[in-house]
Amino acid sequence: MGQSKLITIALLLMSGILLSGCLNTDDTDDSFSTADFDKGSGDTGTTLAYNSDTLYQVSTINALLEGVYDGDTSLRTLKGHGDFGIGTFNALDGEMIMLDGEIYQVKDDGIAYLSNDSMTTPFAAVTFFEGDETLLINETMSKEELEEHLENMMPNRNIMYAVKITGTFDHMKTRSVPRQEQPYPKLVEVTKNQPTFEFTSVQGTIVGFWLPAYMNGVNVPEYHLHFITDGMDAGGHILEYDISEGTVEIDRTYDFYLSLPRDESFMDADLEKDNSSELEMVEK
């Protein structure tokens, strides 16, 4: 090899080293926190390293809305990426709550069952929960009133938050979804006849996330919360609640990892349309 080629290669290597040193993945970057991500923006070209403060997600909410219910990821794999989170199970068989590393399945009878690692999920979002902010509740609040306090704990709307609320609830209303058979109906059709459950003076934990507007189509923007009792025997997807006392914790989350299904139902799904109106009906 000629000397000129050796010099060229050396210069290219040095350029690569300098460039890698200039990439800044500091999660306290103010320019990100103050940017407006409700409107389109270009690719920055940087890549964040995967770490324990990452929201790991299986599939997308739009795929679930379109009836992509076949489990693609085992719960064993899911546990390798978090100890806290929510989702559903193969064939849409109930609501998922992951708390302290255990995964519970609330079926359409409202009962919570401890899952096994061989089960699979078509949609889930998990993280390793480490609370960054804490709020003590010592007065009765509705869901809407507590959310106002939560907004003061997480004033920036460009990052993700895991939300954990443990306490006594004067009233809690949840729902679950029944196991589906192929050909799968869309989620909005399934939830038209969803079973609901109501609890009074119940102690338990709310598990879930608040996500920014730019997550629309990928996950549920703003709040997506599930509930499980202290006895780990009942719960579901939250529709409404009143809390009388408890502890609120939030975990600021800056990194995101999306694992897409590899089956034909996902590949053939129409994921280009805006399903916002269907999502609102499903969530409420």
Protein backbone atom coordinates (compact mmCIF):
# COMPACT_ATOMS: atom_id res chain seq x y z
CA MET A 1 0.00 0.00 0.00
CA GLY A 2 1.35 3.44 -0.95
CA GLN A 3 2.29 6.09 1.61
CA SER A 4 -0.43 8.49 0.36
CA LYS A 5 -3.12 5.86 1.01
CA LEU A 6 -1.79 5.21 4.52
CA ILE A 7 -1.94 8.93 5.30
CA THR A 8 -5.55 9.12 3.98
CA ILE A 9 -6.67 6.19 6.14
CA ALA A 10 -5.02 7.69 9.22
CA LEU A 11 -6.78 11.01 8.64
CA LEU A 12 -10.15 9.28 8.27
CA LEU A 13 -9.64 7.36 11.52
CA MET A 14 -8.69 10.54 13.36
CA SER A 15 -11.80 12.30 11.99
CA GLY A 16 -13.99 9.45 13.25
CA ILE A 17 -12.46 9.64 16.72
CA LEU A 18 -12.94 13.40 16.90
CA LEU A 19 -16.54 13.15 15.70
CA SER A 20 -17.44 10.48 18.23
CA GLY A 21 -16.01 12.68 20.98
CA CYS A 22 -18.21 15.58 19.90
CA LEU A 23 -21.48 13.65 20.09
CA ASN A 24 -23.28 14.76 23.26
CA THR A 25 -25.89 12.39 24.69
CA ASP A 26 -26.16 14.23 28.02
CA ASP A 27 -29.80 13.76 29.10
CA THR A 28 -29.82 17.21 30.72
CA ASP A 29 -29.45 19.03 27.39
CA ASP A 30 -31.69 22.11 27.71
CA SER A 31 -32.11 22.43 23.95
CA PHE A 32 -34.04 19.16 23.90
CA SER A 33 -36.14 19.98 26.94
CA THR A 34 -37.21 23.35 25.51
CA ALA A 35 -37.75 22.25 21.90
CA ASP A 36 -41.28 22.00 20.46
CA PHE A 37 -41.76 18.37 19.41
CA ASP A 38 -45.44 18.75 18.59
CA LYS A 39 -44.28 19.86 15.13
CA GLY A 40 -41.99 18.02 12.71
CA SER A 41 -38.20 18.23 13.02
CA GLY A 42 -35.17 16.68 11.34
CA ASP A 43 -33.02 13.75 12.44
CA THR A 44 -30.12 14.84 14.68
CA GLY A 45 -28.04 11.83 13.63
CA THR A 46 -27.09 10.93 17.22
CA THR A 47 -27.71 7.56 18.86
CA LEU A 48 -28.41 7.13 22.56
CA ALA A 49 -26.91 4.11 24.29
CA TYR A 50 -29.37 1.66 25.86
CA ASN A 51 -29.36 1.82 29.67
CA SER A 52 -31.53 0.98 32.68
CA ASP A 53 -33.29 4.37 32.47
CA THR A 54 -34.91 3.39 29.18
CA LEU A 55 -38.53 2.87 28.20
CA TYR A 56 -38.50 -0.48 26.39
CA GLN A 57 -41.57 -1.08 24.25
CA VAL A 58 -42.93 -4.02 22.28
CA SER A 59 -44.85 -3.04 19.10
CA THR A 60 -46.97 0.14 18.78
CA ILE A 61 -50.37 1.26 20.03
CA ASN A 62 -51.54 1.74 16.44
CA ALA A 63 -50.77 -1.91 15.70
CA LEU A 64 -52.81 -2.93 18.75
CA LEU A 65 -55.69 -0.71 17.60
CA GLU A 66 -55.59 -2.52 14.24
CA GLY A 67 -55.94 -5.93 15.88
CA VAL A 68 -52.33 -7.13 15.96
CA TYR A 69 -52.75 -9.31 19.06
CA ASP A 70 -50.39 -12.25 18.49
CA GLY A 71 -47.66 -12.27 21.13
CA ASP A 72 -44.19 -11.70 19.71
CA THR A 73 -42.10 -11.27 22.87
CA SER A 74 -41.89 -13.58 25.89
CA LEU A 75 -42.39 -12.24 29.39
CA ARG A 76 -38.95 -13.62 30.23
CA THR A 77 -37.49 -11.24 27.65
CA LEU A 78 -39.64 -8.39 28.92
CA LYS A 79 -38.30 -8.85 32.46
CA GLY A 80 -34.80 -8.39 31.11
CA HIS A 81 -35.70 -4.82 30.18
CA GLY A 82 -37.63 -3.61 33.21
CA ASP A 83 -39.29 -4.27 36.55
CA PHE A 84 -42.24 -1.87 36.12
CA GLY A 85 -44.75 -1.37 33.33
CA ILE A 86 -48.00 -2.16 31.57
CA GLY A 87 -49.30 -3.92 28.46
CA THR A 88 -51.42 -6.88 27.40
CA PHE A 89 -51.04 -10.56 26.57
CA ASN A 90 -51.21 -12.88 23.57
CA ALA A 91 -54.65 -12.72 21.91
CA LEU A 92 -55.42 -9.59 24.00
CA ASP A 93 -56.03 -11.82 27.01
CA GLY A 94 -56.34 -9.21 29.75
CA GLU A 95 -54.44 -6.25 31.17
CA MET A 96 -50.77 -6.43 32.22
CA ILE A 97 -49.27 -4.90 35.35
CA MET A 98 -45.54 -5.32 36.05
CA LEU A 99 -44.60 -4.27 39.57
CA ASP A 100 -41.37 -5.01 41.44
CA GLY A 101 -40.32 -7.38 38.69
CA GLU A 102 -43.45 -9.57 38.79
CA ILE A 103 -46.01 -9.58 35.96
CA TYR A 104 -49.72 -9.92 36.73
CA GLN A 105 -52.55 -10.66 34.29
CA VAL A 106 -55.96 -9.13 35.02
CA LYS A 107 -58.40 -11.17 32.96
CA ASP A 108 -61.96 -10.26 32.00
CA ASP A 109 -63.19 -11.57 35.37
CA GLY A 110 -61.28 -8.73 37.08
CA ILE A 111 -59.01 -11.16 38.94
CA ALA A 112 -55.22 -10.71 38.82
CA TYR A 113 -53.20 -13.85 38.11
CA LEU A 114 -49.44 -14.23 38.45
CA SER A 115 -48.06 -14.86 34.96
CA ASN A 116 -45.34 -17.26 33.86
CA ASP A 117 -42.28 -16.37 31.83
CA SER A 118 -43.25 -18.47 28.81
CA MET A 119 -46.31 -16.30 28.12
CA THR A 120 -46.03 -13.69 25.36
CA THR A 121 -47.12 -10.12 24.73
CA PRO A 122 -48.13 -8.24 21.55
CA PHE A 123 -47.77 -4.84 23.26
CA ALA A 124 -46.03 -3.70 26.43
CA ALA A 125 -43.94 -0.83 27.81
CA VAL A 126 -41.54 -1.36 30.72
CA THR A 127 -38.65 0.33 32.51
CA PHE A 128 -36.51 -0.09 35.62
CA PHE A 129 -38.32 2.23 38.01
CA GLU A 130 -36.21 4.62 40.11
CA GLY A 131 -38.24 7.50 41.52
CA ASP A 132 -36.87 10.99 40.86
CA GLU A 133 -39.68 13.02 42.46
CA THR A 134 -42.02 12.17 45.35
CA LEU A 135 -45.31 13.72 46.49
CA LEU A 136 -47.28 12.77 49.61
CA ILE A 137 -51.07 12.86 49.36
CA ASN A 138 -53.05 13.52 52.57
CA GLU A 139 -56.35 14.80 51.20
CA THR A 140 -59.01 13.38 48.93
CA MET A 141 -58.47 14.12 45.25
CA SER A 142 -60.15 13.07 42.05
CA LYS A 143 -58.14 11.70 39.15
CA GLU A 144 -58.25 15.11 37.46
CA GLU A 145 -57.16 16.98 40.61
CA LEU A 146 -54.22 14.67 41.20
CA GLU A 147 -53.13 15.06 37.58
CA GLU A 148 -52.84 18.82 38.17
CA HIS A 149 -50.36 18.11 40.98
CA LEU A 150 -48.51 15.66 38.76
CA GLU A 151 -48.03 18.35 36.13
CA ASN A 152 -46.14 20.41 38.72
CA MET A 153 -43.84 17.45 39.32
CA MET A 154 -43.13 17.02 35.61
CA PRO A 155 -43.32 20.49 34.06
CA ASN A 156 -41.42 19.55 30.90
CA ARG A 157 -43.60 17.95 28.23
CA ASN A 158 -40.80 16.75 25.94
CA ILE A 159 -39.58 13.80 28.02
CA MET A 160 -41.19 10.58 29.27
CA TYR A 161 -42.25 9.79 32.82
CA ALA A 162 -43.00 6.53 34.60
CA VAL A 163 -45.73 7.09 37.20
CA LYS A 164 -46.26 5.09 40.39
CA ILE A 165 -49.01 5.97 42.88
CA THR A 166 -49.42 3.84 46.00
CA GLY A 167 -52.19 4.52 48.49
CA THR A 168 -55.82 4.25 49.54
CA PHE A 169 -58.46 4.89 46.91
CA ASP A 170 -62.00 5.83 47.94
CA HIS A 171 -63.14 4.81 44.49
CA MET A 172 -61.42 2.97 41.67
CA LYS A 173 -63.00 1.97 38.36
CA THR A 174 -61.10 -0.32 35.98
CA ARG A 175 -61.70 -2.45 32.93
CA SER A 176 -60.15 -5.45 31.25
CA VAL A 177 -60.51 -7.04 27.84
CA PRO A 178 -61.52 -10.63 26.99
CA ARG A 179 -59.30 -13.02 25.06
CA GLN A 180 -59.93 -12.78 21.31
CA GLU A 181 -60.09 -15.37 18.57
CA GLN A 182 -58.88 -14.97 14.98
CA PRO A 183 -59.79 -13.20 12.81
CA TYR A 184 -59.16 -10.51 15.41
CA PRO A 185 -61.51 -7.51 15.57
CA LYS A 186 -60.12 -4.01 16.03
CA LEU A 187 -59.55 -2.88 19.60
CA VAL A 188 -62.29 -0.24 19.42
CA GLU A 189 -64.80 -3.04 18.73
CA VAL A 190 -63.50 -5.17 21.60
CA THR A 191 -63.83 -2.37 24.15
CA LYS A 192 -67.45 -1.61 23.24
CA ASN A 193 -68.45 -4.50 25.49
CA GLN A 194 -65.59 -4.37 27.97
CA PRO A 195 -66.24 -5.64 31.49
CA THR A 196 -65.67 -2.97 34.16
CA PHE A 197 -64.92 -3.33 37.87
CA GLU A 198 -65.43 -0.91 40.77
CA PHE A 199 -63.64 -0.84 44.12
CA THR A 200 -64.30 1.24 47.24
CA SER A 201 -61.79 2.02 50.03
CA VAL A 202 -59.20 -0.14 48.32
CA GLN A 203 -55.45 -0.07 48.82
CA GLY A 204 -53.24 -0.61 45.83
CA THR A 205 -50.82 0.77 43.27
CA ILE A 206 -51.24 2.67 40.03
CA VAL A 207 -48.62 1.72 37.44
CA GLY A 208 -48.10 3.49 34.13
CA PHE A 209 -46.67 6.32 32.10
CA TRP A 210 -47.11 9.89 30.97
CA LEU A 211 -45.79 10.29 27.42
CA PRO A 212 -45.32 13.35 25.18
CA ALA A 213 -47.54 14.26 22.21
CA TYR A 214 -44.91 13.12 19.70
CA MET A 215 -45.48 9.51 20.87
CA ASN A 216 -48.91 9.54 19.22
CA GLY A 217 -49.31 6.37 17.17
CA VAL A 218 -46.39 4.71 18.93
CA ASN A 219 -47.91 4.72 22.42
CA VAL A 220 -50.65 6.55 24.30
CA PRO A 221 -49.90 10.29 24.63
CA GLU A 222 -50.23 11.64 28.18
CA TYR A 223 -51.53 9.16 30.80
CA HIS A 224 -51.83 5.40 30.35
CA LEU A 225 -52.35 3.80 33.77
CA HIS A 226 -53.22 0.37 35.20
CA PHE A 227 -54.10 -0.60 38.79
CA ILE A 228 -53.46 -3.57 41.07
CA THR A 229 -54.59 -4.09 44.66
CA ASP A 230 -52.14 -4.56 47.54
CA GLY A 231 -53.20 -8.20 47.66
CA MET A 232 -52.20 -8.57 43.98
CA ASP A 233 -55.59 -10.17 43.36
CA ALA A 234 -57.54 -7.63 41.24
CA GLY A 235 -57.12 -4.53 39.08
CA GLY A 236 -57.19 -3.50 35.43
CA HIS A 237 -56.91 -0.55 33.07
CA ILE A 238 -57.90 2.62 34.94
CA LEU A 239 -60.99 4.56 33.89
CA GLU A 240 -61.45 6.78 36.95
CA TYR A 241 -60.44 7.04 40.61
CA ASP A 242 -60.46 9.13 43.80
CA ILE A 243 -57.48 8.91 46.18
CA SER A 244 -57.64 9.79 49.89
CA GLU A 245 -53.97 9.30 50.85
CA GLY A 246 -50.81 7.92 49.36
CA THR A 247 -47.44 8.47 47.76
CA VAL A 248 -46.79 9.58 44.19
CA GLU A 249 -43.44 8.86 42.54
CA ILE A 250 -42.30 9.75 39.03
CA ASP A 251 -39.25 8.54 37.15
CA ARG A 252 -37.87 10.81 34.43
CA THR A 253 -37.02 8.70 31.40
CA TYR A 254 -34.91 9.97 28.50
CA ASP A 255 -34.18 6.93 26.34
CA PHE A 256 -36.57 4.83 24.26
CA TYR A 257 -36.17 1.41 22.63
CA LEU A 258 -38.82 0.01 20.28
CA SER A 259 -38.94 -3.69 19.42
CA LEU A 260 -41.19 -4.34 16.41
CA PRO A 261 -43.00 -7.65 15.74
CA ARG A 262 -41.75 -9.80 12.89
CA ASP A 263 -44.99 -11.59 12.02
CA GLU A 264 -47.21 -11.09 8.97
CA SER A 265 -50.09 -9.50 10.91
CA PHE A 266 -47.86 -6.58 11.86
CA MET A 267 -46.27 -6.31 8.42
CA ASP A 268 -49.70 -6.25 6.74
CA ALA A 269 -51.39 -3.83 9.18
CA ASP A 270 -52.35 -0.33 8.02
CA LEU A 271 -50.27 1.83 10.35
CA GLU A 272 -50.24 5.02 8.27
CA LYS A 273 -53.62 6.42 9.26
CA ASP A 274 -54.39 8.60 12.26
CA ASN A 275 -56.14 6.48 14.91
CA SER A 276 -56.40 9.25 17.52
CA SER A 277 -60.20 9.19 17.69
CA GLU A 278 -60.27 5.40 18.11
CA LEU A 279 -57.58 5.57 20.77
CA GLU A 280 -59.59 8.12 22.76
CA MET A 281 -62.64 5.84 22.72
CA VAL A 282 -60.54 2.83 23.75
CA GLU A 283 -58.86 4.65 26.64
CA LYS A 284 -62.07 6.10 28.07
